[in-house]
């Protein structure tokens, strides 16, 4: 993630679209989103950020963080998983999850 803030703005736009129809969705501004996500820059491993794209557009996102509170084993917490709601992208979240599990195992999480 060469330009973290630009990437976070991209994630905000995608997540807003992906989650806006969810039952407990609460709208937040881009500034509020950035206030929450900019501090993660220090702990976010880019290997734990997976993006699915189709024709140059983001259609899926999975973001996981190392669980710093777990002292007895290495593990990840999935912070965000989202996909475009179009039916043509059914299975994208499953594929991102499968890939994240593979990466976590390779890194002994």
PDB file of N, CA and C in Angstrom:
ATOM      1  N   UNK A   1       0.838  -1.172   0.000  1.00  0.00           N
ATOM      2  CA  UNK A   1       0.000   0.000   0.000  1.00  0.00           C
ATOM      3  C   UNK A   1       0.886   1.238   0.000  1.00  0.00           C
ATOM      4  N   UNK A   2       1.252   1.644  -1.174  1.00  0.00           N
ATOM      5  CA  UNK A   2       2.174   2.769  -1.325  1.00  0.00           C
ATOM      6  C   UNK A   2       1.588   4.061  -0.767  1.00  0.00           C
ATOM      7  N   UNK A   3       0.319   4.328  -1.051  1.00  0.00           N
ATOM      8  CA  UNK A   3      -0.317   5.536  -0.536  1.00  0.00           C
ATOM      9  C   UNK A   3      -1.512   5.120   0.312  1.00  0.00           C
ATOM     10  N   UNK A   4      -1.260   4.949   1.592  1.00  0.00           N
ATOM     11  CA  UNK A   4      -2.243   4.396   2.520  1.00  0.00           C
ATOM     12  C   UNK A   4      -3.550   5.188   2.540  1.00  0.00           C
ATOM     13  N   UNK A   5      -3.466   6.503   2.609  1.00  0.00           N
ATOM     14  CA  UNK A   5      -4.691   7.310   2.694  1.00  0.00           C
ATOM     15  C   UNK A   5      -5.541   7.167   1.434  1.00  0.00           C
ATOM     16  N   UNK A   6      -4.915   7.149   0.276  1.00  0.00           N
ATOM     17  CA  UNK A   6      -5.658   6.963  -0.979  1.00  0.00           C
ATOM     18  C   UNK A   6      -6.352   5.605  -0.973  1.00  0.00           C
ATOM     19  N   UNK A   7      -5.636   4.567  -0.521  1.00  0.00           N
ATOM     20  CA  UNK A   7      -6.235   3.230  -0.449  1.00  0.00           C
ATOM     21  C   UNK A   7      -7.410   3.211   0.520  1.00  0.00           C
ATOM     22  N   UNK A   8      -7.268   3.860   1.667  1.00  0.00           N
ATOM     23  CA  UNK A   8      -8.355   3.879   2.646  1.00  0.00           C
ATOM     24  C   UNK A   8      -9.584   4.597   2.085  1.00  0.00           C
ATOM     25  N   UNK A   9      -9.380   5.637   1.317  1.00  0.00           N
ATOM     26  CA  UNK A   9     -10.508   6.330   0.687  1.00  0.00           C
ATOM     27  C   UNK A   9     -11.198   5.412  -0.317  1.00  0.00           C
ATOM     28  N   UNK A  10     -10.409   4.634  -1.026  1.00  0.00           N
ATOM     29  CA  UNK A  10     -10.969   3.660  -1.972  1.00  0.00           C
ATOM     30  C   UNK A  10     -11.781   2.601  -1.215  1.00  0.00           C
ATOM     31  N   UNK A  11     -11.248   2.122  -0.096  1.00  0.00           N
ATOM     32  CA  UNK A  11     -11.963   1.128   0.716  1.00  0.00           C
ATOM     33  C   UNK A  11     -13.261   1.724   1.255  1.00  0.00           C
ATOM     34  N   UNK A  12     -13.208   2.987   1.678  1.00  0.00           N
ATOM     35  CA  UNK A  12     -14.412   3.639   2.196  1.00  0.00           C
ATOM     36  C   UNK A  12     -15.524   3.634   1.155  1.00  0.00           C
ATOM     37  N   UNK A  13     -15.202   4.056  -0.052  1.00  0.00           N
ATOM     38  CA  UNK A  13     -16.207   4.114  -1.118  1.00  0.00           C
ATOM     39  C   UNK A  13     -16.798   2.737  -1.371  1.00  0.00           C
ATOM     40  N   UNK A  14     -15.939   1.734  -1.432  1.00  0.00           N
ATOM     41  CA  UNK A  14     -16.420   0.376  -1.681  1.00  0.00           C
ATOM     42  C   UNK A  14     -17.263  -0.133  -0.511  1.00  0.00           C
ATOM     43  N   UNK A  15     -16.778   0.021   0.704  1.00  0.00           N
ATOM     44  CA  UNK A  15     -17.503  -0.493   1.874  1.00  0.00           C
ATOM     45  C   UNK A  15     -18.847   0.203   2.059  1.00  0.00           C
ATOM     46  N   UNK A  16     -18.889   1.486   1.794  1.00  0.00           N
ATOM     47  CA  UNK A  16     -20.157   2.217   1.906  1.00  0.00           C
ATOM     48  C   UNK A  16     -21.188   1.603   0.971  1.00  0.00           C
ATOM     49  N   UNK A  17     -20.779   1.319  -0.247  1.00  0.00           N
ATOM     50  CA  UNK A  17     -21.676   0.699  -1.221  1.00  0.00           C
ATOM     51  C   UNK A  17     -22.033  -0.732  -0.820  1.00  0.00           C
ATOM     52  N   UNK A  18     -21.049  -1.477  -0.341  1.00  0.00           N
ATOM     53  CA  UNK A  18     -21.267  -2.887  -0.004  1.00  0.00           C
ATOM     54  C   UNK A  18     -22.152  -3.065   1.223  1.00  0.00           C
ATOM     55  N   UNK A  19     -22.060  -2.166   2.194  1.00  0.00           N
ATOM     56  CA  UNK A  19     -22.764  -2.349   3.459  1.00  0.00           C
ATOM     57  C   UNK A  19     -24.042  -1.527   3.614  1.00  0.00           C
ATOM     58  N   UNK A  20     -24.307  -0.586   2.740  1.00  0.00           N
ATOM     59  CA  UNK A  20     -25.400   0.374   2.964  1.00  0.00           C
ATOM     60  C   UNK A  20     -26.780  -0.268   3.095  1.00  0.00           C
ATOM     61  N   UNK A  21     -26.973  -1.460   2.558  1.00  0.00           N
ATOM     62  CA  UNK A  21     -28.274  -2.124   2.665  1.00  0.00           C
ATOM     63  C   UNK A  21     -28.359  -3.083   3.857  1.00  0.00           C
ATOM     64  N   UNK A  22     -27.289  -3.212   4.619  1.00  0.00           N
ATOM     65  CA  UNK A  22     -27.283  -4.121   5.769  1.00  0.00           C
ATOM     66  C   UNK A  22     -28.203  -3.609   6.871  1.00  0.00           C
ATOM     67  N   UNK A  23     -28.782  -4.531   7.600  1.00  0.00           N
ATOM     68  CA  UNK A  23     -29.764  -4.242   8.637  1.00  0.00           C
ATOM     69  C   UNK A  23     -29.268  -3.220   9.662  1.00  0.00           C
ATOM     70  N   UNK A  24     -28.080  -3.386  10.168  1.00  0.00           N
ATOM     71  CA  UNK A  24     -27.577  -2.505  11.224  1.00  0.00           C
ATOM     72  C   UNK A  24     -26.587  -1.457  10.716  1.00  0.00           C
ATOM     73  N   UNK A  25     -26.605  -1.189   9.424  1.00  0.00           N
ATOM     74  CA  UNK A  25     -25.684  -0.214   8.835  1.00  0.00           C
ATOM     75  C   UNK A  25     -25.936   1.174   9.412  1.00  0.00           C
ATOM     76  N   UNK A  26     -24.862   1.835   9.787  1.00  0.00           N
ATOM     77  CA  UNK A  26     -24.917   3.222  10.236  1.00  0.00           C
ATOM     78  C   UNK A  26     -23.989   4.030   9.341  1.00  0.00           C
ATOM     79  N   UNK A  27     -24.523   5.026   8.718  1.00  0.00           N
ATOM     80  CA  UNK A  27     -23.736   5.865   7.807  1.00  0.00           C
ATOM     81  C   UNK A  27     -22.658   6.623   8.580  1.00  0.00           C
ATOM     82  N   UNK A  28     -21.458   6.647   8.004  1.00  0.00           N
ATOM     83  CA  UNK A  28     -20.390   7.486   8.541  1.00  0.00           C
ATOM     84  C   UNK A  28     -19.776   8.249   7.373  1.00  0.00           C
ATOM     85  N   UNK A  29     -19.172   9.351   7.692  1.00  0.00           N
ATOM     86  CA  UNK A  29     -18.531  10.164   6.656  1.00  0.00           C
ATOM     87  C   UNK A  29     -17.154   9.583   6.332  1.00  0.00           C
ATOM     88  N   UNK A  30     -16.611  10.037   5.213  1.00  0.00           N
ATOM     89  CA  UNK A  30     -15.259   9.623   4.860  1.00  0.00           C
ATOM     90  C   UNK A  30     -14.276  10.044   5.954  1.00  0.00           C
ATOM     91  N   UNK A  31     -14.463  11.224   6.505  1.00  0.00           N
ATOM     92  CA  UNK A  31     -13.571  11.710   7.570  1.00  0.00           C
ATOM     93  C   UNK A  31     -13.635  10.798   8.797  1.00  0.00           C
ATOM     94  N   UNK A  32     -14.835  10.350   9.162  1.00  0.00           N
ATOM     95  CA  UNK A  32     -14.977   9.432  10.297  1.00  0.00           C
ATOM     96  C   UNK A  32     -14.308   8.090   9.998  1.00  0.00           C
ATOM     97  N   UNK A  33     -14.495   7.597   8.785  1.00  0.00           N
ATOM     98  CA  UNK A  33     -13.877   6.337   8.369  1.00  0.00           C
ATOM     99  C   UNK A  33     -12.356   6.449   8.460  1.00  0.00           C
ATOM    100  N   UNK A  34     -11.816   7.530   7.919  1.00  0.00           N
ATOM    101  CA  UNK A  34     -10.365   7.725   7.951  1.00  0.00           C
ATOM    102  C   UNK A  34      -9.848   7.858   9.382  1.00  0.00           C
ATOM    103  N   UNK A  35     -10.618   8.501  10.244  1.00  0.00           N
ATOM    104  CA  UNK A  35     -10.209   8.633  11.643  1.00  0.00           C
ATOM    105  C   UNK A  35     -10.088   7.262  12.309  1.00  0.00           C
ATOM    106  N   UNK A  36     -10.907   6.318  11.887  1.00  0.00           N
ATOM    107  CA  UNK A  36     -10.849   4.963  12.440  1.00  0.00           C
ATOM    108  C   UNK A  36      -9.742   4.129  11.804  1.00  0.00           C
ATOM    109  N   UNK A  37      -9.531   4.290  10.510  1.00  0.00           N
ATOM    110  CA  UNK A  37      -8.625   3.404   9.780  1.00  0.00           C
ATOM    111  C   UNK A  37      -7.196   3.921   9.638  1.00  0.00           C
ATOM    112  N   UNK A  38      -6.972   5.209   9.689  1.00  0.00           N
ATOM    113  CA  UNK A  38      -5.603   5.720   9.543  1.00  0.00           C
ATOM    114  C   UNK A  38      -4.671   5.203  10.647  1.00  0.00           C
ATOM    115  N   UNK A  39      -5.123   5.098  11.904  1.00  0.00           N
ATOM    116  CA  UNK A  39      -4.235   4.561  12.941  1.00  0.00           C
ATOM    117  C   UNK A  39      -3.824   3.096  12.707  1.00  0.00           C
ATOM    118  N   UNK A  40      -4.581   2.368  11.908  1.00  0.00           N
ATOM    119  CA  UNK A  40      -4.241   0.968  11.632  1.00  0.00           C
ATOM    120  C   UNK A  40      -2.990   0.829  10.769  1.00  0.00           C
ATOM    121  N   UNK A  41      -2.572   1.908  10.153  1.00  0.00           N
ATOM    122  CA  UNK A  41      -1.399   1.859   9.271  1.00  0.00           C
ATOM    123  C   UNK A  41      -0.192   1.241   9.979  1.00  0.00           C
ATOM    124  N   UNK A  42      -0.051   1.512  11.257  1.00  0.00           N
ATOM    125  CA  UNK A  42       1.098   1.025  12.021  1.00  0.00           C
ATOM    126  C   UNK A  42       1.077  -0.487  12.226  1.00  0.00           C
ATOM    127  N   UNK A  43      -0.103  -1.097  12.197  1.00  0.00           N
ATOM    128  CA  UNK A  43      -0.221  -2.526  12.512  1.00  0.00           C
ATOM    129  C   UNK A  43      -0.745  -3.367  11.354  1.00  0.00           C
ATOM    130  N   UNK A  44      -1.152  -2.729  10.283  1.00  0.00           N
ATOM    131  CA  UNK A  44      -1.743  -3.455   9.158  1.00  0.00           C
ATOM    132  C   UNK A  44      -0.655  -4.020   8.252  1.00  0.00           C
ATOM    133  N   UNK A  45      -0.697  -5.320   8.062  1.00  0.00           N
ATOM    134  CA  UNK A  45       0.221  -6.011   7.162  1.00  0.00           C
ATOM    135  C   UNK A  45      -0.461  -6.093   5.799  1.00  0.00           C
ATOM    136  N   UNK A  46       0.154  -5.547   4.775  1.00  0.00           N
ATOM    137  CA  UNK A  46      -0.481  -5.520   3.450  1.00  0.00           C
ATOM    138  C   UNK A  46      -0.773  -6.918   2.911  1.00  0.00           C
ATOM    139  N   UNK A  47      -0.093  -7.943   3.424  1.00  0.00           N
ATOM    140  CA  UNK A  47      -0.389  -9.311   2.993  1.00  0.00           C
ATOM    141  C   UNK A  47      -1.757  -9.767   3.480  1.00  0.00           C
ATOM    142  N   UNK A  48      -2.295  -9.085   4.480  1.00  0.00           N
ATOM    143  CA  UNK A  48      -3.603  -9.437   5.016  1.00  0.00           C
ATOM    144  C   UNK A  48      -4.710  -8.516   4.497  1.00  0.00           C
ATOM    145  N   UNK A  49      -4.454  -7.887   3.373  1.00  0.00           N
ATOM    146  CA  UNK A  49      -5.464  -7.086   2.676  1.00  0.00           C
ATOM    147  C   UNK A  49      -5.618  -7.691   1.287  1.00  0.00           C
ATOM    148  N   UNK A  50      -6.782  -8.264   1.029  1.00  0.00           N
ATOM    149  CA  UNK A  50      -7.046  -8.897  -0.260  1.00  0.00           C
ATOM    150  C   UNK A  50      -8.144  -8.133  -0.978  1.00  0.00           C
ATOM    151  N   UNK A  51      -7.914  -7.869  -2.248  1.00  0.00           N
ATOM    152  CA  UNK A  51      -8.875  -7.128  -3.062  1.00  0.00           C
ATOM    153  C   UNK A  51      -9.182  -7.944  -4.302  1.00  0.00           C
ATOM    154  N   UNK A  52     -10.469  -8.107  -4.578  1.00  0.00           N
ATOM    155  CA  UNK A  52     -10.902  -8.732  -5.828  1.00  0.00           C
ATOM    156  C   UNK A  52     -11.368  -7.612  -6.747  1.00  0.00           C
ATOM    157  N   UNK A  53     -10.906  -7.660  -7.986  1.00  0.00           N
ATOM    158  CA  UNK A  53     -11.295  -6.641  -8.961  1.00  0.00           C
ATOM    159  C   UNK A  53     -11.850  -7.302 -10.213  1.00  0.00           C
ATOM    160  N   UNK A  54     -12.754  -6.610 -10.856  1.00  0.00           N
ATOM    161  CA  UNK A  54     -13.303  -7.036 -12.137  1.00  0.00           C
ATOM    162  C   UNK A  54     -13.372  -5.809 -13.028  1.00  0.00           C
ATOM    163  N   UNK A  55     -12.710  -5.884 -14.157  1.00  0.00           N
ATOM    164  CA  UNK A  55     -12.668  -4.774 -15.114  1.00  0.00           C
ATOM    165  C   UNK A  55     -12.242  -3.465 -14.446  1.00  0.00           C
ATOM    166  N   UNK A  56     -11.248  -3.567 -13.559  1.00  0.00           N
ATOM    167  CA  UNK A  56     -10.697  -2.387 -12.905  1.00  0.00           C
ATOM    168  C   UNK A  56     -11.482  -1.867 -11.719  1.00  0.00           C
ATOM    169  N   UNK A  57     -12.584  -2.523 -11.376  1.00  0.00           N
ATOM    170  CA  UNK A  57     -13.407  -2.088 -10.246  1.00  0.00           C
ATOM    171  C   UNK A  57     -13.287  -3.068  -9.090  1.00  0.00           C
ATOM    172  N   UNK A  58     -13.210  -2.534  -7.873  1.00  0.00           N
ATOM    173  CA  UNK A  58     -13.176  -3.388  -6.697  1.00  0.00           C
ATOM    174  C   UNK A  58     -14.528  -4.079  -6.552  1.00  0.00           C
ATOM    175  N   UNK A  59     -14.513  -5.395  -6.404  1.00  0.00           N
ATOM    176  CA  UNK A  59     -15.751  -6.156  -6.215  1.00  0.00           C
ATOM    177  C   UNK A  59     -15.717  -6.964  -4.926  1.00  0.00           C
ATOM    178  N   UNK A  60     -14.570  -6.995  -4.266  1.00  0.00           N
ATOM    179  CA  UNK A  60     -14.450  -7.704  -3.002  1.00  0.00           C
ATOM    180  C   UNK A  60     -13.273  -7.181  -2.206  1.00  0.00           C
ATOM    181  N   UNK A  61     -13.402  -7.242  -0.886  1.00  0.00           N
ATOM    182  CA  UNK A  61     -12.348  -6.754   0.005  1.00  0.00           C
ATOM    183  C   UNK A  61     -12.340  -7.605   1.264  1.00  0.00           C
ATOM    184  N   UNK A  62     -11.158  -8.022   1.663  1.00  0.00           N
ATOM    185  CA  UNK A  62     -10.983  -8.673   2.959  1.00  0.00           C
ATOM    186  C   UNK A  62      -9.766  -8.056   3.622  1.00  0.00           C
ATOM    187  N   UNK A  63      -9.957  -7.621   4.849  1.00  0.00           N
ATOM    188  CA  UNK A  63      -8.897  -6.979   5.616  1.00  0.00           C
ATOM    189  C   UNK A  63      -8.829  -7.673   6.971  1.00  0.00           C
ATOM    190  N   UNK A  64      -7.666  -8.219   7.293  1.00  0.00           N
ATOM    191  CA  UNK A  64      -7.473  -8.896   8.576  1.00  0.00           C
ATOM    192  C   UNK A  64      -6.283  -8.285   9.304  1.00  0.00           C
ATOM    193  N   UNK A  65      -6.327  -8.383  10.610  1.00  0.00           N
ATOM    194  CA  UNK A  65      -5.269  -7.848  11.465  1.00  0.00           C
ATOM    195  C   UNK A  65      -4.742  -8.947  12.377  1.00  0.00           C
ATOM    196  N   UNK A  66      -3.462  -8.884  12.677  1.00  0.00           N
ATOM    197  CA  UNK A  66      -2.900  -9.778  13.686  1.00  0.00           C
ATOM    198  C   UNK A  66      -3.613  -9.499  15.006  1.00  0.00           C
ATOM    199  N   UNK A  67      -3.991 -10.554  15.717  1.00  0.00           N
ATOM    200  CA  UNK A  67      -4.649 -10.414  17.014  1.00  0.00           C
ATOM    201  C   UNK A  67      -3.578 -10.240  18.090  1.00  0.00           C
ATOM    202  N   UNK A  68      -3.300  -9.004  18.444  1.00  0.00           N
ATOM    203  CA  UNK A  68      -2.251  -8.706  19.416  1.00  0.00           C
ATOM    204  C   UNK A  68      -2.653  -9.075  20.842  1.00  0.00           C
ATOM    205  N   UNK A  69      -3.946  -9.282  21.083  1.00  0.00           N
ATOM    206  CA  UNK A  69      -4.413  -9.624  22.423  1.00  0.00           C
ATOM    207  C   UNK A  69      -4.268 -11.105  22.734  1.00  0.00           C
ATOM    208  N   UNK A  70      -4.191 -11.929  21.715  1.00  0.00           N
ATOM    209  CA  UNK A  70      -4.055 -13.369  21.925  1.00  0.00           C
ATOM    210  C   UNK A  70      -2.588 -13.684  22.214  1.00  0.00           C
ATOM    211  N   UNK A  71      -2.311 -14.171  23.396  1.00  0.00           N
ATOM    212  CA  UNK A  71      -0.928 -14.426  23.812  1.00  0.00           C
ATOM    213  C   UNK A  71      -0.520 -15.892  23.661  1.00  0.00           C
ATOM    214  N   UNK A  72      -1.475 -16.804  23.496  1.00  0.00           N
ATOM    215  CA  UNK A  72      -1.127 -18.226  23.456  1.00  0.00           C
ATOM    216  C   UNK A  72      -0.943 -18.780  22.042  1.00  0.00           C
ATOM    217  N   UNK A  73      -1.308 -18.013  21.013  1.00  0.00           N
ATOM    218  CA  UNK A  73      -1.107 -18.453  19.633  1.00  0.00           C
ATOM    219  C   UNK A  73      -1.161 -17.244  18.703  1.00  0.00           C
ATOM    220  N   UNK A  74      -0.624 -17.421  17.496  1.00  0.00           N
ATOM    221  CA  UNK A  74      -0.739 -16.374  16.480  1.00  0.00           C
ATOM    222  C   UNK A  74      -2.069 -16.573  15.765  1.00  0.00           C
ATOM    223  N   UNK A  75      -2.846 -15.514  15.664  1.00  0.00           N
ATOM    224  CA  UNK A  75      -4.092 -15.608  14.912  1.00  0.00           C
ATOM    225  C   UNK A  75      -4.468 -14.247  14.352  1.00  0.00           C
ATOM    226  N   UNK A  76      -5.376 -14.299  13.384  1.00  0.00           N
ATOM    227  CA  UNK A  76      -5.850 -13.091  12.720  1.00  0.00           C
ATOM    228  C   UNK A  76      -7.286 -12.811  13.117  1.00  0.00           C
ATOM    229  N   UNK A  77      -7.623 -11.532  13.129  1.00  0.00           N
ATOM    230  CA  UNK A  77      -9.010 -11.096  13.263  1.00  0.00           C
ATOM    231  C   UNK A  77      -9.423 -10.500  11.928  1.00  0.00           C
ATOM    232  N   UNK A  78     -10.511 -10.987  11.390  1.00  0.00           N
ATOM    233  CA  UNK A  78     -11.041 -10.425  10.150  1.00  0.00           C
ATOM    234  C   UNK A  78     -11.775  -9.143  10.509  1.00  0.00           C
ATOM    235  N   UNK A  79     -11.231  -8.018  10.090  1.00  0.00           N
ATOM    236  CA  UNK A  79     -11.830  -6.709  10.381  1.00  0.00           C
ATOM    237  C   UNK A  79     -12.956  -6.395   9.409  1.00  0.00           C
ATOM    238  N   UNK A  80     -12.730  -6.682   8.134  1.00  0.00           N
ATOM    239  CA  UNK A  80     -13.702  -6.343   7.101  1.00  0.00           C
ATOM    240  C   UNK A  80     -13.712  -7.417   6.033  1.00  0.00           C
ATOM    241  N   UNK A  81     -14.913  -7.833   5.651  1.00  0.00           N
ATOM    242  CA  UNK A  81     -15.080  -8.663   4.465  1.00  0.00           C
ATOM    243  C   UNK A  81     -16.340  -8.173   3.767  1.00  0.00           C
ATOM    244  N   UNK A  82     -16.190  -7.855   2.505  1.00  0.00           N
ATOM    245  CA  UNK A  82     -17.311  -7.295   1.751  1.00  0.00           C
ATOM    246  C   UNK A  82     -17.181  -7.681   0.288  1.00  0.00           C
ATOM    247  N   UNK A  83     -18.326  -7.703  -0.378  1.00  0.00           N
ATOM    248  CA  UNK A  83     -18.320  -7.925  -1.818  1.00  0.00           C
ATOM    249  C   UNK A  83     -19.404  -7.079  -2.453  1.00  0.00           C
ATOM    250  N   UNK A  84     -19.235  -6.831  -3.728  1.00  0.00           N
ATOM    251  CA  UNK A  84     -20.258  -6.158  -4.514  1.00  0.00           C
ATOM    252  C   UNK A  84     -21.520  -7.003  -4.437  1.00  0.00           C
ATOM    253  N   UNK A  85     -22.671  -6.385  -4.288  1.00  0.00           N
ATOM    254  CA  UNK A  85     -23.914  -7.132  -4.090  1.00  0.00           C
ATOM    255  C   UNK A  85     -24.482  -7.764  -5.358  1.00  0.00           C
ATOM    256  N   UNK A  86     -23.904  -7.472  -6.494  1.00  0.00           N
ATOM    257  CA  UNK A  86     -24.384  -8.076  -7.735  1.00  0.00           C
ATOM    258  C   UNK A  86     -24.240  -9.593  -7.665  1.00  0.00           C
ATOM    259  N   UNK A  87     -25.244 -10.300  -8.165  1.00  0.00           N
ATOM    260  CA  UNK A  87     -25.241 -11.764  -8.125  1.00  0.00           C
ATOM    261  C   UNK A  87     -24.056 -12.360  -8.872  1.00  0.00           C
ATOM    262  N   UNK A  88     -23.490 -11.653  -9.822  1.00  0.00           N
ATOM    263  CA  UNK A  88     -22.360 -12.212 -10.559  1.00  0.00           C
ATOM    264  C   UNK A  88     -21.119 -12.354  -9.680  1.00  0.00           C
ATOM    265  N   UNK A  89     -21.134 -11.740  -8.498  1.00  0.00           N
ATOM    266  CA  UNK A  89     -19.985 -11.823  -7.601  1.00  0.00           C
ATOM    267  C   UNK A  89     -20.222 -12.747  -6.409  1.00  0.00           C
ATOM    268  N   UNK A  90     -21.279 -13.546  -6.474  1.00  0.00           N
ATOM    269  CA  UNK A  90     -21.496 -14.566  -5.452  1.00  0.00           C
ATOM    270  C   UNK A  90     -20.268 -15.476  -5.452  1.00  0.00           C
ATOM    271  N   UNK A  91     -19.731 -15.743  -4.301  1.00  0.00           N
ATOM    272  CA  UNK A  91     -18.547 -16.588  -4.186  1.00  0.00           C
ATOM    273  C   UNK A  91     -17.254 -15.815  -3.994  1.00  0.00           C
ATOM    274  N   UNK A  92     -17.286 -14.509  -4.250  1.00  0.00           N
ATOM    275  CA  UNK A  92     -16.071 -13.699  -4.096  1.00  0.00           C
ATOM    276  C   UNK A  92     -15.602 -13.707  -2.639  1.00  0.00           C
ATOM    277  N   UNK A  93     -16.510 -13.527  -1.698  1.00  0.00           N
ATOM    278  CA  UNK A  93     -16.126 -13.514  -0.281  1.00  0.00           C
ATOM    279  C   UNK A  93     -15.559 -14.872   0.132  1.00  0.00           C
ATOM    280  N   UNK A  94     -16.149 -15.941  -0.374  1.00  0.00           N
ATOM    281  CA  UNK A  94     -15.641 -17.286  -0.080  1.00  0.00           C
ATOM    282  C   UNK A  94     -14.217 -17.445  -0.610  1.00  0.00           C
ATOM    283  N   UNK A  95     -13.981 -16.980  -1.818  1.00  0.00           N
ATOM    284  CA  UNK A  95     -12.646 -17.078  -2.411  1.00  0.00           C
ATOM    285  C   UNK A  95     -11.634 -16.241  -1.629  1.00  0.00           C
ATOM    286  N   UNK A  96     -12.007 -15.034  -1.244  1.00  0.00           N
ATOM    287  CA  UNK A  96     -11.101 -14.202  -0.449  1.00  0.00           C
ATOM    288  C   UNK A  96     -10.785 -14.864   0.891  1.00  0.00           C
ATOM    289  N   UNK A  97     -11.797 -15.460   1.510  1.00  0.00           N
ATOM    290  CA  UNK A  97     -11.597 -16.154   2.781  1.00  0.00           C
ATOM    291  C   UNK A  97     -10.647 -17.331   2.613  1.00  0.00           C
ATOM    292  N   UNK A  98     -10.839 -18.112   1.561  1.00  0.00           N
ATOM    293  CA  UNK A  98      -9.950 -19.251   1.293  1.00  0.00           C
ATOM    294  C   UNK A  98      -8.511 -18.794   1.104  1.00  0.00           C
ATOM    295  N   UNK A  99      -8.343 -17.718   0.370  1.00  0.00           N
ATOM    296  CA  UNK A  99      -6.989 -17.198   0.143  1.00  0.00           C
ATOM    297  C   UNK A  99      -6.370 -16.663   1.430  1.00  0.00           C
ATOM    298  N   UNK A 100      -7.186 -16.006   2.265  1.00  0.00           N
ATOM    299  CA  UNK A 100      -6.667 -15.483   3.532  1.00  0.00           C
ATOM    300  C   UNK A 100      -6.240 -16.630   4.441  1.00  0.00           C
ATOM    301  N   UNK A 101      -7.008 -17.699   4.476  1.00  0.00           N
ATOM    302  CA  UNK A 101      -6.642 -18.862   5.290  1.00  0.00           C
ATOM    303  C   UNK A 101      -5.308 -19.430   4.819  1.00  0.00           C
ATOM    304  N   UNK A 102      -5.136 -19.518   3.507  1.00  0.00           N
ATOM    305  CA  UNK A 102      -3.874 -20.027   2.949  1.00  0.00           C
ATOM    306  C   UNK A 102      -2.700 -19.131   3.361  1.00  0.00           C
ATOM    307  N   UNK A 103      -2.869 -17.828   3.231  1.00  0.00           N
ATOM    308  CA  UNK A 103      -1.814 -16.878   3.610  1.00  0.00           C
ATOM    309  C   UNK A 103      -1.510 -16.991   5.104  1.00  0.00           C
ATOM    310  N   UNK A 104      -2.561 -17.080   5.923  1.00  0.00           N
ATOM    311  CA  UNK A 104      -2.372 -17.185   7.374  1.00  0.00           C
ATOM    312  C   UNK A 104      -1.586 -18.445   7.728  1.00  0.00           C
ATOM    313  N   UNK A 105      -1.910 -19.554   7.083  1.00  0.00           N
ATOM    314  CA  UNK A 105      -1.181 -20.801   7.345  1.00  0.00           C
ATOM    315  C   UNK A 105       0.273 -20.678   6.922  1.00  0.00           C
ATOM    316  N   UNK A 106       0.509 -20.059   5.774  1.00  0.00           N
ATOM    317  CA  UNK A 106       1.884 -19.865   5.304  1.00  0.00           C
ATOM    318  C   UNK A 106       2.696 -19.015   6.277  1.00  0.00           C
ATOM    319  N   UNK A 107       2.023 -18.085   6.939  1.00  0.00           N
ATOM    320  CA  UNK A 107       2.694 -17.201   7.902  1.00  0.00           C
ATOM    321  C   UNK A 107       2.583 -17.729   9.335  1.00  0.00           C
ATOM    322  N   UNK A 108       2.107 -18.953   9.458  1.00  0.00           N
ATOM    323  CA  UNK A 108       1.972 -19.653  10.743  1.00  0.00           C
ATOM    324  C   UNK A 108       1.057 -18.927  11.722  1.00  0.00           C
ATOM    325  N   UNK A 109      -0.041 -18.426  11.221  1.00  0.00           N
ATOM    326  CA  UNK A 109      -1.082 -17.845  12.072  1.00  0.00           C
ATOM    327  C   UNK A 109      -2.110 -18.916  12.345  1.00  0.00           C
TER     328      UNK A 109
END
